[in-house]
N, C-alpha and C. Protein backbone atom coordinates (compact mmCIF):
# COMPACT_ATOMS: atom_id res chain seq x y z
N ALA A 1 0.72 -1.25 0.22
CA ALA A 1 -0.19 -0.05 -0.16
C ALA A 1 0.74 1.26 -0.10
N LYS A 2 2.07 1.21 0.61
CA LYS A 2 3.06 2.42 1.06
C LYS A 2 3.64 2.47 -0.66
N ASN A 3 3.72 1.52 -1.59
CA ASN A 3 4.24 2.03 -2.48
C ASN A 3 3.08 2.53 -3.84
N GLU A 4 2.03 1.92 -3.79
CA GLU A 4 1.28 2.27 -4.12
C GLU A 4 0.57 3.93 -4.62
N THR A 5 0.74 4.51 -3.40
CA THR A 5 0.19 6.07 -3.12
C THR A 5 1.23 6.93 -4.02
N PRO A 6 2.75 6.28 -3.77
CA PRO A 6 3.37 7.94 -4.64
C PRO A 6 3.27 7.30 -6.36
N TYR A 7 3.06 6.28 -6.77
CA TYR A 7 2.68 5.82 -7.78
C TYR A 7 1.31 6.46 -8.48
N ARG A 8 -0.02 6.55 -7.61
CA ARG A 8 -0.72 6.88 -7.97
C ARG A 8 -0.64 8.38 -8.06
N ILE A 9 0.13 9.13 -7.30
CA ILE A 9 0.40 10.33 -7.46
C ILE A 9 0.83 10.91 -8.53
N THR A 10 2.26 10.46 -8.88
CA THR A 10 3.20 10.54 -10.11
C THR A 10 1.91 10.40 -11.02
N LEU A 11 1.56 9.07 -11.07
CA LEU A 11 0.43 8.94 -12.57
C LEU A 11 -0.73 10.17 -12.79
N THR A 12 -1.37 9.79 -11.70
CA THR A 12 -2.38 11.20 -11.85
C THR A 12 -1.52 12.76 -12.07
N GLN A 13 -0.68 13.05 -11.50
CA GLN A 13 0.05 14.44 -11.98
C GLN A 13 0.42 14.01 -13.92
N ALA A 14 0.95 12.62 -14.12
CA ALA A 14 1.51 13.09 -15.27
C ALA A 14 -0.09 12.70 -16.48
N VAL A 15 -0.74 12.43 -15.71
CA VAL A 15 -2.20 12.48 -16.68
C VAL A 15 -2.63 13.87 -16.68
N SER A 16 -2.69 14.78 -15.60
CA SER A 16 -3.15 16.09 -15.56
C SER A 16 -2.07 16.95 -16.42
N ILE A 17 -0.59 16.86 -16.38
CA ILE A 17 0.28 17.35 -17.29
C ILE A 17 -0.51 17.22 -18.85
N VAL A 18 -0.29 16.04 -19.35
CA VAL A 18 -0.54 15.22 -20.55
C VAL A 18 -1.78 15.81 -20.76
N LEU A 19 -2.71 16.48 -20.37
CA LEU A 19 -4.39 16.79 -20.63
C LEU A 19 -4.13 18.27 -20.85
N LYS A 20 -3.23 18.92 -20.07
CA LYS A 20 -3.21 20.26 -20.24
C LYS A 20 -2.58 20.50 -21.13
N ASN A 21 -1.32 19.98 -21.40
CA ASN A 21 -0.67 20.42 -22.27
C ASN A 21 -1.38 20.12 -23.67
N GLY A 22 -2.20 18.88 -23.92
CA GLY A 22 -2.88 17.99 -25.02
C GLY A 22 -3.74 19.55 -25.50
N LEU A 23 -4.40 20.02 -24.67
CA LEU A 23 -5.86 20.92 -24.36
C LEU A 23 -5.13 22.49 -25.01
N PHE A 24 -3.47 22.57 -24.28
CA PHE A 24 -2.99 23.60 -25.18
C PHE A 24 -2.77 23.79 -26.44
N LEU A 25 -2.33 22.50 -27.01
CA LEU A 25 -1.55 22.73 -27.81
C LEU A 25 -2.93 22.70 -29.04
N LEU A 26 -3.66 21.54 -28.50
CA LEU A 26 -5.24 21.87 -29.41
C LEU A 26 -5.58 23.03 -29.53
N GLY A 27 -5.92 23.91 -28.47
CA GLY A 27 -6.29 25.53 -28.62
C GLY A 27 -5.37 26.29 -29.64
N ILE A 28 -4.05 26.11 -29.76
CA ILE A 28 -3.01 26.57 -30.61
C ILE A 28 -3.68 26.23 -32.01
N THR A 29 -3.41 25.15 -32.19
CA THR A 29 -3.74 24.51 -33.53
C THR A 29 -4.67 24.18 -33.78
N ALA A 30 -5.75 24.85 -33.27
CA ALA A 30 -7.07 24.31 -33.68
C ALA A 30 -7.27 25.48 -35.03
N PRO A 31 -6.95 26.85 -34.28
CA PRO A 31 -7.64 28.37 -34.58
C PRO A 31 -6.82 28.29 -35.90
N LYS A 32 -5.48 27.98 -35.91
CA LYS A 32 -4.67 28.20 -36.95
C LYS A 32 -5.13 27.25 -38.07
N LYS A 33 -5.62 26.17 -38.00
CA LYS A 33 -6.18 25.42 -39.18
C LYS A 33 -7.19 25.32 -40.00
N MET A 34 -8.27 26.04 -39.06
CA MET A 34 -9.41 26.76 -39.05
C MET A 34 -9.67 27.83 -40.16
């Protein structure tokens, strides 16, 4: 259980960063393509 918590926190942070970067990139590229 002690090993799961840091892994879950790291995984959650990684996912949130990827989603934020993805939305950021989509927000920039989408208007340019339009």
